[in-house]
Amino acid sequence: MKLTDFVYFSEYFSAYMREKRSQGSPISFRYLTKALGLTSTSSLAMIAVGRRYPTPSMLEKLSQKIGWTVDEKRYAELMIAHERTKSTDDKQIFWEQMNRMRPAHDEQIDLDRLAIIMHWEYLLLICLAGEKGGLERSPEELSRALRYRVSAKEIEEKIRHLESHGFIDRDADSKMHRTNKVISTTHEVSSSLIKTLHQQMLKIASEEIYQQDVKDRYFSSMFLTASPKKIERAKQLLNNFRSEFDKMMTEEDTDEPTEVYQLGLQFFKMTQLIPKDL
């Protein structure tokens, strides 16, 4: 997992802690609290959900513990500055500086390969393979669990695709596990694929309104008026919520995960009103 794969420090930090936990590492909030000279784990927990930001001295100590390079530490400083500022112009400046620090890709990523991780069936299989015990269910079981939206033969083929492209691998017991492989490309290419993925999930969500009992799902919506000046702040709040929700849902408890859930957030303009003074 690379620091430069992230835009928000809170998302990076929560992902880093999850990765360490899944690897059985002794690094935890309690461990870092002691190592950084803090008095309570709550500060780190709030950083992980975007409610607080590391101070310069804390970031320096964190950099030493994690082992960042000088450039990575500078990138982390830009992430925090980008996340904290309320100025749209400043956000753009910090974003451009961060973008210049991201490493160039050594290989040409074809659309076929990128499309794999931007389709719901593949993302679901990668999610299942990411569980601690790995994925050991047969294609037939998975097809049945998906209410036959995808056939067993199609699932078998998609698993082979994921293996051949390095997104999952198998252990000695033939259990499938998620790898740490990350693929990214230009915004222009990825945005069209992400739009397609959003369309797929909206279609499935509309079907599940009638398929699932109300106690097993949550659908809600609201209409509100707002000034365009609030949009960036609104998006930041939604990002913070997503990080906090992800952290809460992926924390280990006494019960093993049994299902894959999908959370979708939509926030978009419904009107194009002309200001009264024009």
Foldseek 3Di string as FASTA:
>chain_A
DDLLVDLAQLCVLLVVQLVCVLVVHPDDLVVLCVQLVHDDSVQVVCSNLVNDPDDPSSLVSVCVVVVDDPLSSVLSVLSVQLLPDLDPVSVVVSVVVSVVSDDDDPDDDDLVLVLLCLAVLNVQQLVQQAFSVAADDQLCVVCVVVVNPDHSVRSVVSVVSCVVSQQWDADPVRGIHGDPDDDDDDPVSVVVSNVVSVVVVVVVVVVVVPVDDPVVDDDDDDDDDDDPSCVVVVVSVVSSVVSSVVSVVSDDDPDGDDDDDDDDDDDDDPDDDDDPVD
